[in-house]
Structure formats: structure tokens, C-alpha cells
Protein backbone atom coordinates (compact mmCIF):
# COMPACT_ATOMS: atom_id res chain seq x y z
CA MET A 1 -184.51 72.26 -256.23
CA ILE A 2 -185.22 75.96 -256.61
CA ASN A 3 -182.53 78.57 -257.25
CA GLU A 4 -184.58 81.61 -256.27
CA PRO A 5 -185.69 82.10 -252.67
CA LYS A 6 -189.16 80.84 -251.85
CA ILE A 7 -190.77 83.02 -249.19
CA VAL A 8 -192.12 80.83 -246.39
CA GLU A 9 -193.87 81.54 -243.11
CA ILE A 10 -192.53 80.21 -239.84
CA THR A 11 -195.20 77.91 -238.37
CA GLU A 12 -193.48 76.76 -235.18
CA ILE A 13 -190.45 77.72 -233.09
CA ILE A 14 -188.95 75.33 -230.54
CA ASP A 15 -186.52 76.53 -227.90
CA GLU A 16 -184.20 73.53 -227.94
CA THR A 17 -181.53 74.91 -225.58
CA PRO A 18 -180.59 78.33 -224.19
CA THR A 19 -178.70 79.06 -227.44
CA ILE A 20 -180.44 76.89 -230.06
CA LYS A 21 -183.87 77.16 -231.71
CA THR A 22 -185.66 75.02 -234.29
CA PHE A 23 -187.77 76.80 -236.92
CA LYS A 24 -190.46 74.91 -238.85
CA PHE A 25 -192.09 76.01 -242.10
CA ASN A 26 -194.30 74.49 -244.80
CA TRP A 27 -192.62 73.12 -247.93
CA ASP A 28 -194.73 71.70 -250.76
CA PHE A 29 -192.84 68.56 -251.79
CA GLU A 30 -194.73 68.21 -255.08
CA GLU A 31 -194.02 71.79 -256.15
CA LEU A 32 -190.62 72.38 -254.57
CA GLY A 33 -189.17 68.88 -254.27
CA LYS A 34 -188.59 66.68 -251.24
CA PRO A 35 -185.08 66.97 -249.81
CA ASN A 36 -183.02 64.01 -248.68
CA PRO A 37 -181.39 63.85 -245.24
CA GLY A 38 -177.95 65.43 -245.33
CA GLU A 39 -178.82 68.05 -247.92
CA PHE A 40 -178.87 71.74 -247.02
CA ILE A 41 -180.82 74.87 -247.87
CA MET A 42 -179.88 78.53 -248.19
CA VAL A 43 -181.72 80.72 -245.69
CA TRP A 44 -182.34 84.39 -246.53
CA ASN A 45 -183.33 86.94 -243.88
CA PHE A 46 -183.89 89.62 -246.57
CA LYS A 47 -180.42 91.01 -245.87
CA ASN A 48 -177.97 88.11 -245.97
CA GLU A 49 -178.01 84.44 -246.86
CA LYS A 50 -176.47 81.46 -245.07
CA PRO A 51 -176.46 77.67 -245.54
CA MET A 52 -178.34 75.56 -243.00
CA SER A 53 -178.64 71.80 -242.61
CA ILE A 54 -182.14 70.38 -242.80
CA ALA A 55 -182.95 69.09 -239.33
CA GLN A 56 -186.39 67.58 -239.99
CA ILE A 57 -188.21 66.40 -243.10
CA ASN A 58 -191.87 65.89 -242.25
CA ASP A 59 -194.99 65.72 -244.43
CA ASN A 60 -194.70 68.90 -246.57
CA GLU A 61 -192.76 70.53 -243.75
CA LEU A 62 -189.09 71.26 -243.15
CA ALA A 63 -187.18 72.47 -240.11
CA ILE A 64 -183.82 74.07 -239.48
CA THR A 65 -182.02 74.17 -236.14
CA VAL A 66 -180.02 77.34 -235.54
CA LYS A 67 -177.43 78.15 -232.90
CA ASN A 68 -177.11 81.82 -232.00
CA ILE A 69 -173.46 82.53 -232.77
CA GLY A 70 -173.44 85.81 -234.72
CA GLU A 71 -175.37 88.64 -236.34
CA PHE A 72 -177.24 86.51 -238.87
CA THR A 73 -178.28 83.79 -236.44
CA SER A 74 -179.17 86.38 -233.81
CA GLN A 75 -181.57 87.97 -236.28
CA LEU A 76 -183.15 84.58 -236.91
CA HIS A 77 -183.52 84.00 -233.19
CA ASP A 78 -185.49 87.28 -232.96
CA LEU A 79 -188.15 85.99 -235.38
CA LYS A 80 -191.62 84.97 -234.23
CA ILE A 81 -194.27 82.54 -235.50
CA GLY A 82 -195.83 84.09 -238.59
CA ASP A 83 -192.65 85.91 -239.64
CA LYS A 84 -191.21 85.10 -243.05
CA ILE A 85 -187.84 83.99 -244.37
CA GLY A 86 -186.54 83.09 -247.83
CA ILE A 87 -185.48 79.53 -248.65
CA ARG A 88 -183.76 78.13 -251.72
CA GLY A 89 -182.61 74.60 -252.32
CA SER A 90 -182.26 71.91 -251.36
CA TYR A 91 -178.64 71.45 -252.38
CA GLY A 92 -175.73 69.10 -252.11
CA ASN A 93 -174.95 65.44 -251.92
CA GLY A 94 -176.97 64.07 -249.00
CA PHE A 95 -176.75 60.82 -247.08
CA ASN A 96 -177.18 57.49 -248.83
CA LYS A 97 -180.16 56.10 -246.92
CA GLU A 98 -180.69 52.80 -248.76
CA PHE A 99 -180.26 50.57 -245.72
CA GLU A 100 -182.50 47.83 -244.35
CA ASN A 101 -182.08 45.42 -241.44
CA LYS A 102 -178.75 46.99 -240.47
CA ARG A 103 -177.25 48.15 -237.19
CA ILE A 104 -176.62 51.86 -237.61
CA ILE A 105 -174.66 54.24 -235.40
CA ALA A 106 -175.24 57.96 -235.98
CA ILE A 107 -173.06 60.48 -234.15
CA GLY A 108 -173.72 64.18 -233.77
CA GLY A 109 -171.79 66.84 -231.91
CA GLY A 110 -173.55 70.04 -230.88
CA VAL A 111 -175.70 71.54 -233.61
CA GLY A 112 -174.18 68.90 -235.91
CA MET A 113 -177.05 66.82 -234.56
CA ALA A 114 -179.33 68.55 -237.10
CA PRO A 115 -178.60 66.28 -240.12
CA ILE A 116 -178.13 63.33 -237.75
CA ASN A 117 -181.68 63.84 -236.49
CA SER A 118 -182.91 63.83 -240.07
CA ILE A 119 -181.15 60.62 -241.16
CA ALA A 120 -181.82 58.73 -237.92
CA SER A 121 -185.52 59.55 -238.12
CA ASP A 122 -185.58 58.26 -241.70
CA LEU A 123 -183.72 54.99 -241.04
CA VAL A 124 -185.27 53.82 -237.77
CA SER A 125 -188.34 52.23 -239.36
CA LYS A 126 -186.22 49.61 -241.18
CA ASN A 127 -183.05 49.41 -239.11
CA GLU A 128 -181.78 49.29 -235.54
CA VAL A 129 -180.44 52.79 -234.97
CA ASP A 130 -178.22 54.04 -232.15
CA VAL A 131 -177.44 57.74 -231.85
CA ILE A 132 -174.69 59.41 -229.85
CA SER A 133 -175.94 62.90 -229.02
CA ALA A 134 -172.93 64.85 -227.77
CA ALA A 135 -172.67 68.35 -226.30
CA GLN A 136 -170.54 70.31 -223.88
CA THR A 137 -173.21 70.20 -221.17
CA LYS A 138 -176.70 68.83 -220.46
CA ASP A 139 -178.51 72.02 -221.48
CA GLU A 140 -177.06 71.85 -225.00
CA LEU A 141 -178.15 68.28 -225.87
CA LEU A 142 -180.46 68.05 -228.89
CA TYR A 143 -183.38 65.89 -230.08
CA GLY A 144 -183.00 63.07 -227.57
CA GLU A 145 -186.62 62.70 -226.45
CA ALA A 146 -187.99 63.04 -229.99
CA LEU A 147 -185.64 60.35 -231.30
CA GLU A 148 -186.42 58.02 -228.40
CA LYS A 149 -190.14 58.29 -229.24
CA LEU A 150 -189.34 57.04 -232.75
CA GLY A 151 -187.52 54.00 -231.35
CA VAL A 152 -183.94 55.25 -231.65
CA ASN A 153 -181.48 54.15 -228.93
CA VAL A 154 -179.99 57.46 -227.77
CA HIS A 155 -176.67 57.58 -225.93
CA TYR A 156 -176.14 60.97 -224.32
CA CYS A 157 -172.64 62.31 -223.97
CA THR A 158 -171.49 65.52 -222.27
CA ASP A 159 -168.00 66.93 -221.92
CA ASP A 160 -168.62 67.93 -218.31
CA GLY A 161 -170.50 64.78 -217.29
CA SER A 162 -173.67 66.70 -216.42
CA PHE A 163 -175.77 64.09 -218.24
CA GLY A 164 -175.10 60.68 -219.71
CA PHE A 165 -171.59 59.55 -220.58
CA GLU A 166 -168.86 61.84 -219.28
CA GLY A 167 -166.37 62.65 -222.00
CA PHE A 168 -166.21 63.30 -225.73
CA ALA A 169 -168.16 61.57 -228.50
CA THR A 170 -165.00 59.65 -229.40
CA ASN A 171 -164.80 58.24 -225.86
CA CYS A 172 -168.48 57.29 -225.92
CA LEU A 173 -168.12 55.52 -229.27
CA ALA A 174 -165.05 53.58 -228.10
CA ASP A 175 -167.01 52.52 -225.02
CA LEU A 176 -169.95 51.27 -227.12
CA LEU A 177 -167.64 49.33 -229.44
CA GLU A 178 -166.26 47.33 -226.53
CA ASP A 179 -169.53 45.38 -226.38
CA SER A 180 -171.07 45.74 -229.84
CA THR A 181 -170.45 46.64 -233.45
CA TYR A 182 -172.32 48.32 -236.27
CA ASP A 183 -172.80 47.88 -240.00
CA TYR A 184 -172.66 51.56 -240.88
CA ALA A 185 -172.17 55.05 -239.42
CA PHE A 186 -173.29 58.62 -240.03
CA VAL A 187 -171.31 61.49 -238.51
CA CYS A 188 -171.63 65.27 -238.23
CA GLY A 189 -170.10 67.76 -235.82
CA PRO A 190 -166.92 69.74 -235.24
CA GLU A 191 -164.31 68.49 -237.68
CA ILE A 192 -161.77 67.62 -235.00
CA MET A 193 -164.45 65.39 -233.44
CA MET A 194 -165.21 63.80 -236.79
CA LYS A 195 -161.52 63.03 -237.34
CA GLY A 196 -161.39 61.13 -234.04
CA ILE A 197 -164.60 59.28 -234.92
CA PHE A 198 -163.25 58.52 -238.40
CA ASP A 199 -160.08 56.94 -236.98
CA ILE A 200 -162.03 54.78 -234.52
CA LEU A 201 -164.50 53.58 -237.15
CA GLU A 202 -161.72 52.84 -239.63
CA ASP A 203 -159.89 50.74 -237.03
CA ALA A 204 -163.13 48.88 -236.35
CA GLY A 205 -163.82 48.32 -240.05
CA ILE A 206 -167.11 50.24 -239.96
CA PRO A 207 -167.84 52.29 -243.11
CA GLY A 208 -169.58 55.61 -242.79
CA GLN A 209 -170.62 58.94 -244.21
CA TYR A 210 -169.42 62.30 -242.89
CA SER A 211 -171.15 65.66 -243.30
CA LEU A 212 -168.63 68.49 -243.69
CA GLU A 213 -169.12 72.24 -243.37
CA ARG A 214 -167.30 75.03 -245.22
CA TYR A 215 -167.85 78.69 -246.09
CA MET A 216 -170.51 78.71 -248.83
CA LYS A 217 -171.72 81.64 -250.90
CA CYS A 218 -173.59 80.46 -254.00
CA ALA A 219 -174.49 76.81 -253.15
CA LEU A 220 -174.41 76.13 -256.91
CA GLY A 221 -170.78 75.12 -257.33
CA VAL A 222 -169.91 78.28 -259.25
CA CYS A 223 -167.97 80.54 -256.87
CA GLY A 224 -165.47 77.94 -255.65
CA GLN A 225 -165.54 79.36 -252.13
CA CYS A 226 -166.14 75.97 -250.49
CA CYS A 227 -163.58 73.92 -252.43
CA VAL A 228 -161.41 71.63 -250.30
CA ASP A 229 -157.75 70.85 -250.86
CA GLY A 230 -156.74 67.52 -252.26
CA GLU A 231 -159.30 66.94 -254.98
CA GLY A 232 -160.81 70.42 -255.18
CA TRP A 233 -164.26 69.07 -254.41
CA ARG A 234 -166.97 71.65 -253.78
CA ILE A 235 -168.70 71.02 -250.46
CA CYS A 236 -171.95 72.45 -251.85
CA VAL A 237 -172.04 70.01 -254.80
CA GLU A 238 -169.80 66.97 -254.27
CA GLY A 239 -170.56 67.28 -250.53
CA PRO A 240 -171.48 68.06 -247.88
CA VAL A 241 -171.60 64.29 -247.32
CA PHE A 242 -168.55 62.16 -248.15
CA GLU A 243 -167.86 58.46 -247.61
CA ASN A 244 -164.67 57.04 -246.09
CA ASP A 245 -162.70 56.66 -249.30
CA LYS A 246 -163.21 60.32 -250.19
CA ILE A 247 -162.42 61.60 -246.71
CA TYR A 248 -158.92 60.14 -247.18
CA LYS A 249 -158.46 62.38 -250.22
CA ILE A 250 -159.46 65.63 -248.47
CA THR A 251 -156.01 66.69 -247.31
CA GLU A 252 -157.28 69.58 -245.19
CA PHE A 253 -159.72 67.42 -243.20
CA ALA A 254 -159.41 68.34 -239.49
CA LYS A 255 -156.27 70.38 -240.24
CA TYR A 256 -157.43 73.74 -241.57
CA ARG A 257 -160.07 75.52 -243.62
CA ARG A 258 -160.33 78.87 -245.40
CA ASP A 259 -162.05 82.11 -244.48
CA ALA A 260 -164.17 84.29 -246.78
CA SER A 261 -161.04 85.60 -248.50
CA GLY A 262 -159.57 82.13 -249.02
CA VAL A 263 -156.88 82.40 -246.34
CA LYS A 264 -156.12 79.21 -244.40
CA TYR A 265 -156.81 79.14 -240.71
């Protein structure tokens, strides 16, 4: 883990969807440390800094997947191969990946597929892994072909039915559980989606890990900006990944969060 930005050069840019790009850059694991799936990094564009999930962990290479939703991400989307960004991290409590010979279900909604891609790619060599890749429409689905090449069973799900299962990720999961079950689950996406997934998995007796997102400034657990009500856990340190028993204790889960000034919304 490094706490000062490391300047890296973008080596590859993939246009994933009309609004989402993946940026790859070299990362010396021996010098800078090898992240675990589920951890995040702070990305600096030499003006501002934002947290990003690690989407891919390759041999001395990392990748982030960025949806263009505002000024910061728009500036990233304008970058070209050879341009530079600042990276510090990795940070946080990532996924527990010590599984072998298990049936795994990993569920990602929208750009929440980024950490799901990372953990599914890591687990597939020793486990049977199913992934639900969910998006509003076909053009926004992420990582499916790449995961299939690794041997992951990908179940596509779109809100509008333009590709794969028609409906939400919760509907797709319920449909899968009619004919099969799983030993463990990994989930990331909009929090209202995760709450529905959480309830279904709890009813089915399937334990899991959930990657949460909050407003982060320091990533070091100092500023308290990303604390969640209930236990006061810091998403950047005690999270972003929490298991079932801890999700129960986060009283704001799928109910509200706080803006930069701390006001609930």
C-alpha cells in the first residue's frame, strides 16, 4: 500500500459500452504490493481524486472501469493511451477468496461488475463460478465474453429484456435458485439491488460478501466521511466488503447515505 500517488502511464483503453471505459496501467507488485479483489485505489487526475474499484488484477498490471457520470469521470474518459494518472493504494477490506471446490454465485449490477470481475476471475480456477451480469440494457453489459473465456458461467440480465434474462438481478437470482443452489455469494451494485439480493440469499441460507460504496475523501480512515450508521464502520477501512452478519448491523443499508457535507439523502 502506498499513501502518495504513484504516477502511472495508461497502457490500454477498452471501450466497454457507450458510457464505460476500462483503463489499464502497469503496477509493480513487488514494489507497490499486489491488491486483493474487492480492494480499491484512489485515482488522481492532477486536479481531484476519487476512489475506484479494481476491475482486473493481472501480472504486474491493474485496471479500473469507469462510467462517465460527471466532471471527474468525463476527464478520465478524455485520456488517451500514454497519458498519465496518479494512483495510491490499494485500500480497504477486500473479498475473502479462500475457497476451493465450491459453487460460487457472483452478482454485479452495472459498473458494480468491476470488483465482481476481479473476484470471479480469481476464483474460477478452483471453483465452479456463476456470474449474473446485470444492466439496464444490452449495450451496458460488462465483461461477459472475457469471463466466459476463463470458464465462468455468465447469466446475462437486462431490465428491458434486450439481452438475456428480462428483469432485475433479483429476479434472475430467484430463477436460478429454483433449480440449483450455491455455497457462497459475492455481490456489488446499486444498494437497493444488493438489499434485494441479500434478502433472497438469506432466505436460501447462502452466505455472502457485499461490496458497499460511500463518499470517500482520505481512504485512510481519518476523515470519517464514509462512516456508516449503526456501528460507525468506515467503508474505506472496515469495508468496502462486509459479510452477512455485519450487513445486519449497518442500519442505513439500502435506506439512505450522506453527501459530502454529511447530510442524509
